[in-house]
């Protein structure tokens, strides 16, 4: 599985960011990206969080990710980042490597 994580820096205007993010970017772009099997939007907690928000887009494998990157919908989503987070975001592409938890519950 391949995961694309978009890390958003603290916005200059959080209210404007949230409005654009939820009313425009996510429904018109993020939710339309082909081959995404899971999409998560995350908001940081804590006073000194290094990022304001993150988004995780999961793809079945590298081939499905690469095919998605060539689509006009994905290219429009990438271009839209400049409309609300220009110069205030970073992208990390990773291969997901699940780890089984060894924690046990004692009663």
Protein backbone atom coordinates (compact mmCIF):
# COMPACT_ATOMS: atom_id res chain seq x y z
CA UNK A 1 0.00 0.00 0.00
CA UNK A 2 1.18 3.54 -0.76
CA UNK A 3 0.20 6.55 1.33
CA UNK A 4 0.41 10.20 0.37
CA UNK A 5 0.48 12.53 3.37
CA UNK A 6 -0.05 16.25 2.89
CA UNK A 7 1.21 18.24 5.90
CA UNK A 8 -0.25 21.72 6.22
CA UNK A 9 1.65 24.44 8.09
CA UNK A 10 -0.19 26.84 10.38
CA UNK A 11 -2.41 29.03 8.15
CA UNK A 12 -2.42 32.80 8.37
CA UNK A 13 -6.23 32.72 8.63
CA UNK A 14 -7.44 29.41 10.14
CA UNK A 15 -11.13 30.21 9.56
CA UNK A 16 -10.56 30.92 5.86
CA UNK A 17 -8.43 27.78 5.57
CA UNK A 18 -11.12 25.59 7.13
CA UNK A 19 -13.87 27.05 4.95
CA UNK A 20 -11.94 26.52 1.72
CA UNK A 21 -10.65 23.11 2.80
CA UNK A 22 -14.06 21.65 3.68
CA UNK A 23 -16.26 23.47 1.17
CA UNK A 24 -13.99 23.38 -1.88
CA UNK A 25 -10.77 21.37 -1.69
CA UNK A 26 -12.00 18.15 -0.09
CA UNK A 27 -15.30 17.69 -1.96
CA UNK A 28 -14.25 19.08 -5.35
CA UNK A 29 -10.72 17.72 -5.42
CA UNK A 30 -9.63 15.37 -2.63
CA UNK A 31 -12.66 13.09 -2.76
CA UNK A 32 -12.47 12.90 -6.56
CA UNK A 33 -8.90 11.61 -6.90
CA UNK A 34 -8.97 8.26 -8.70
CA UNK A 35 -7.70 5.03 -7.12
CA UNK A 36 -7.84 6.35 -3.55
CA UNK A 37 -9.05 3.54 -1.31
CA UNK A 38 -9.05 5.57 1.91
CA UNK A 39 -8.92 9.30 2.65
CA UNK A 40 -8.34 10.76 6.10
CA UNK A 41 -8.38 14.41 7.12
CA UNK A 42 -6.62 15.09 10.43
CA UNK A 43 -6.43 18.20 12.59
CA UNK A 44 -3.50 18.62 14.95
CA UNK A 45 -4.02 18.92 18.69
CA UNK A 46 -1.88 20.65 21.27
CA UNK A 47 -0.58 24.17 21.57
CA UNK A 48 2.74 23.73 19.76
CA UNK A 49 1.84 21.25 17.03
CA UNK A 50 4.41 21.35 14.21
CA UNK A 51 1.62 21.24 11.60
CA UNK A 52 -1.95 22.54 11.52
CA UNK A 53 -3.55 19.70 9.64
CA UNK A 54 -2.67 16.65 7.56
CA UNK A 55 -4.42 14.55 4.95
CA UNK A 56 -3.66 10.91 4.16
CA UNK A 57 -4.60 9.33 0.84
CA UNK A 58 -4.12 5.58 0.55
CA UNK A 59 -3.57 3.67 -2.69
CA UNK A 60 -3.53 -0.10 -3.17
CA UNK A 61 -0.01 -0.09 -4.61
CA UNK A 62 2.56 2.04 -6.43
CA UNK A 63 0.99 1.33 -9.82
CA UNK A 64 -2.41 2.64 -8.74
CA UNK A 65 -0.75 5.70 -7.20
CA UNK A 66 1.23 6.41 -10.37
CA UNK A 67 -1.85 5.97 -12.54
CA UNK A 68 -3.70 8.44 -10.34
CA UNK A 69 -0.93 11.01 -10.62
CA UNK A 70 -1.42 11.15 -14.37
CA UNK A 71 -5.12 11.98 -14.17
CA UNK A 72 -6.45 15.49 -14.78
CA UNK A 73 -8.45 15.26 -11.53
CA UNK A 74 -5.31 14.62 -9.48
CA UNK A 75 -3.41 17.37 -11.27
CA UNK A 76 -6.27 19.79 -10.50
CA UNK A 77 -6.18 18.74 -6.83
CA UNK A 78 -2.45 19.42 -6.67
CA UNK A 79 -2.87 22.80 -8.37
CA UNK A 80 -5.67 23.70 -5.95
CA UNK A 81 -3.23 23.54 -3.02
CA UNK A 82 -1.93 26.94 -4.12
CA UNK A 83 -5.41 28.43 -3.64
CA UNK A 84 -5.34 27.95 0.13
CA UNK A 85 -1.94 26.62 1.22
CA UNK A 86 0.61 28.07 -1.20
CA UNK A 87 4.08 27.56 0.23
CA UNK A 88 2.52 26.20 3.43
CA UNK A 89 2.37 22.48 2.76
CA UNK A 90 4.66 19.51 2.36
CA UNK A 91 3.99 16.15 0.71
CA UNK A 92 5.34 12.81 1.90
CA UNK A 93 4.87 9.61 -0.12
CA UNK A 94 5.43 6.40 1.80
CA UNK A 95 5.07 2.67 1.46
CA UNK A 96 2.87 1.45 4.30
CA UNK A 97 4.49 -1.29 6.35
CA UNK A 98 1.97 -2.57 8.91
CA UNK A 99 3.35 -3.69 12.26
CA UNK A 100 1.41 -6.06 14.46
CA UNK A 101 0.95 -4.71 17.96
CA UNK A 102 2.49 -6.82 20.71
CA UNK A 103 0.47 -5.12 23.43
CA UNK A 104 -1.75 -7.37 25.47
CA UNK A 105 -4.65 -6.51 27.67
CA UNK A 106 -4.57 -7.71 31.27
CA UNK A 107 -7.76 -7.91 33.25
